[in-house]
Protein backbone atom coordinates (compact mmCIF):
# COMPACT_ATOMS: atom_id res chain seq x y z
CA MET A 1 118.74 97.64 83.08
CA THR A 2 119.22 99.87 86.11
CA ASP A 3 121.03 102.80 84.45
CA ALA A 4 123.59 103.27 87.24
CA ILE A 5 124.24 106.78 88.50
CA THR A 6 127.70 107.62 89.74
CA ILE A 7 128.33 110.50 92.10
CA ALA A 8 131.07 111.18 94.60
CA ARG A 9 130.41 112.42 98.14
CA PRO A 10 129.26 116.02 97.82
CA ASP A 11 131.65 118.66 99.10
CA PRO A 12 129.69 120.71 101.67
CA ALA A 13 131.55 123.84 100.59
CA SER A 14 130.51 123.42 96.97
CA PRO A 15 126.95 124.37 96.03
CA ALA A 16 127.47 122.73 92.63
CA ALA A 17 128.35 119.41 94.28
CA ALA A 18 125.25 119.61 96.49
CA VAL A 19 123.07 120.28 93.45
CA ALA A 20 124.67 117.37 91.58
CA ALA A 21 124.12 115.03 94.54
CA GLY A 22 120.50 116.14 94.84
CA ALA A 23 119.92 115.59 91.13
CA ALA A 24 121.50 112.13 91.29
CA VAL A 25 119.36 111.11 94.27
CA ALA A 26 116.22 112.45 92.59
CA ALA A 27 117.04 110.57 89.37
CA PHE A 28 117.51 107.35 91.36
CA LEU A 29 114.15 107.81 93.12
CA TYR A 30 112.37 108.65 89.86
CA ARG A 31 113.81 105.51 88.31
CA GLU A 32 112.49 103.39 91.18
CA ALA A 33 109.04 104.94 90.71
CA ARG A 34 109.18 104.24 86.97
CA PHE A 35 110.11 100.60 87.58
CA LEU A 36 107.10 100.24 89.90
CA ASP A 37 104.75 101.92 87.42
CA ASP A 38 106.09 99.76 84.58
CA LYS A 39 106.05 96.62 86.75
CA ASP A 40 109.69 96.10 85.81
CA TRP A 41 110.22 93.88 88.85
CA ASP A 42 113.75 92.68 88.08
CA SER A 43 115.07 96.23 87.64
CA TRP A 44 113.19 97.35 90.76
CA LEU A 45 114.64 94.53 92.88
CA ALA A 46 118.15 95.32 91.58
CA LEU A 47 117.92 98.71 93.32
CA TYR A 48 117.90 96.97 96.72
CA ALA A 49 120.94 95.66 98.58
CA PRO A 50 120.60 92.03 99.72
CA GLU A 51 120.34 93.16 103.37
CA ALA A 52 117.79 95.92 102.61
CA THR A 53 114.80 96.35 104.90
CA PHE A 54 111.41 97.52 103.66
CA TRP A 55 109.04 98.77 106.33
CA MET A 56 105.69 100.48 106.41
CA PRO A 57 104.74 101.03 110.07
CA SER A 58 101.13 101.31 111.12
CA TRP A 59 99.45 104.02 113.17
CA ASP A 60 98.53 103.00 116.72
CA ASP A 61 95.35 103.92 118.59
CA ASP A 62 96.96 107.17 119.76
CA ASP A 63 97.69 108.25 116.16
CA ARG A 64 101.41 107.56 116.56
CA LEU A 65 103.52 105.41 114.28
CA THR A 66 104.64 102.06 115.56
CA THR A 67 108.39 102.01 116.14
CA ASP A 68 109.43 98.35 116.23
CA PRO A 69 108.55 96.05 113.33
CA GLN A 70 109.61 93.03 115.41
CA ARG A 71 107.19 93.73 118.28
CA GLU A 72 104.40 95.87 116.84
CA ILE A 73 101.98 95.67 113.93
CA SER A 74 103.29 96.91 110.60
CA LEU A 75 101.38 97.38 107.38
CA ILE A 76 104.31 95.86 105.47
CA TYR A 77 107.66 94.55 106.70
CA TYR A 78 110.41 92.66 104.89
CA GLY A 79 113.71 92.14 106.73
CA SER A 80 115.75 91.63 103.56
CA ARG A 81 115.55 91.80 99.77
CA GLN A 82 114.69 88.11 99.84
CA GLY A 83 111.28 89.02 101.28
CA LEU A 84 110.74 91.46 98.43
CA GLU A 85 111.82 88.81 95.93
CA ASP A 86 109.24 86.43 97.42
CA ARG A 87 106.55 89.12 97.18
CA VAL A 88 107.39 89.76 93.52
CA PHE A 89 107.29 86.01 92.84
CA ARG A 90 103.79 85.87 94.34
CA ILE A 91 102.66 88.86 92.29
CA ARG A 92 104.01 87.32 89.09
CA THR A 93 102.56 83.87 89.71
CA GLU A 94 99.27 84.97 91.33
CA ARG A 95 100.13 82.84 94.39
CA SER A 96 98.77 85.24 96.95
CA SER A 97 95.28 86.20 97.96
CA ALA A 98 96.66 89.70 98.51
CA THR A 99 97.60 90.06 94.83
CA SER A 100 95.30 92.44 92.99
CA LEU A 101 93.97 90.96 89.78
CA PRO A 102 93.93 92.56 87.39
CA GLU A 103 96.98 94.44 88.61
CA PRO A 104 96.26 98.13 88.99
CA ARG A 105 97.84 100.75 86.79
CA THR A 106 99.84 103.10 88.98
CA HIS A 107 101.37 106.53 88.68
CA HIS A 108 103.93 107.66 91.28
CA THR A 109 104.75 111.33 91.82
CA LEU A 110 107.61 112.39 94.10
CA SER A 111 108.24 115.77 95.71
CA ASN A 112 110.21 117.56 98.41
CA ILE A 113 113.26 115.32 97.95
CA GLU A 114 115.84 116.11 100.64
CA ILE A 115 119.25 114.65 101.40
CA LEU A 116 119.31 114.66 105.19
CA SER A 117 122.90 113.44 105.47
CA TRP A 118 125.67 112.01 103.29
CA GLN A 119 128.58 110.43 105.12
CA ASP A 120 130.52 107.19 105.46
CA GLY A 121 129.18 105.86 102.17
CA ARG A 122 125.53 106.36 103.12
CA ALA A 123 122.94 108.94 102.25
CA GLU A 124 119.81 109.51 104.32
CA VAL A 125 116.97 110.75 102.12
CA ARG A 126 113.42 111.94 102.78
CA PHE A 127 110.69 112.73 100.26
CA ASN A 128 106.94 112.93 99.84
CA TRP A 129 105.03 110.83 97.35
CA THR A 130 101.60 110.41 95.86
CA THR A 131 100.43 107.33 94.00
CA TYR A 132 97.36 107.07 91.84
CA SER A 133 96.10 103.55 91.33
CA PHE A 134 93.50 102.66 88.70
CA ARG A 135 91.62 99.35 88.77
CA TYR A 136 88.02 98.37 87.89
CA LYS A 137 87.36 101.90 86.59
CA ILE A 138 88.10 103.33 90.05
CA THR A 139 91.04 105.60 90.88
CA ASP A 140 92.47 105.42 94.39
CA LEU A 141 94.94 107.88 95.85
CA TYR A 142 97.68 107.06 98.35
CA PHE A 143 100.14 109.55 99.80
CA GLY A 144 102.88 109.67 102.36
CA THR A 145 106.51 110.28 103.21
CA SER A 146 109.41 107.90 102.67
CA PHE A 147 112.79 107.69 104.35
CA TYR A 148 115.62 105.86 102.59
CA THR A 149 119.11 104.89 103.59
CA LEU A 150 121.16 104.57 100.42
CA ASP A 151 124.51 102.87 100.04
CA VAL A 152 126.54 105.31 97.94
CA SER A 153 129.96 103.91 98.81
CA ASP A 154 130.92 102.57 95.39
CA GLY A 155 129.54 105.48 93.37
CA ASP A 156 126.32 103.62 92.55
CA PHE A 157 123.18 103.71 94.69
CA ARG A 158 121.53 100.76 96.46
CA ILE A 159 118.68 100.93 98.94
CA LEU A 160 119.70 99.69 102.38
CA ALA A 161 116.50 100.68 104.18
CA LYS A 162 113.12 101.97 103.05
CA LYS A 163 110.59 103.25 105.55
CA VAL A 164 107.25 104.30 104.11
CA VAL A 165 104.80 106.36 106.17
CA LEU A 166 101.36 106.01 104.61
CA LYS A 167 99.41 109.12 105.61
CA ASN A 168 95.96 107.97 104.43
CA ASP A 169 95.95 104.55 106.03
CA TYR A 170 92.17 104.05 106.17
CA ILE A 171 91.86 102.18 102.92
CA HIS A 172 89.13 99.95 101.54
CA HIS A 173 91.28 97.18 100.07
CA VAL A 174 94.71 95.59 100.18
CA ILE A 175 97.71 97.83 99.61
CA ASP A 176 100.83 96.34 98.05
CA ILE A 177 104.44 97.29 97.29
CA TYR A 178 103.51 98.88 93.98
CA HIS A 179 101.07 101.31 95.64
CA ILE A 180 103.74 103.05 97.71
């Protein structure tokens, strides 16, 4: 169950509409985090449009983010929801050496949620996040900033693009979709 949120395009002259839009976006993002923490994969995947991209660029030798997932190294890149569906299948069936077993327990915290723009049925959103991951009696911490393009054209939200900037990218084991 995805608990759809409906909100019209906020009127820039109305502070109440801006607050309502911000609350709706925040609720959507919190729900995605909850689905990841609960490992509710079907509900999580339903938040993504079929054409959605999921990208976590890497940092180059000059401490700059890579800019082209087709030509440069990325930490994670899926060009459509189908790639995410395949990743979830591999997590569920343990058909990947990158799958953490036992799966870690995670806790996502989001902050500084901003709507950067809202026009033509799309919302550009930026926020910071922290994820705690517990496995083998060890707690790891990941943190970064995410940028989403949301389809808001039909009153419900769908993720069209997700770019995750992992700020602490020197990690001692595999990072997966549920860590970020």
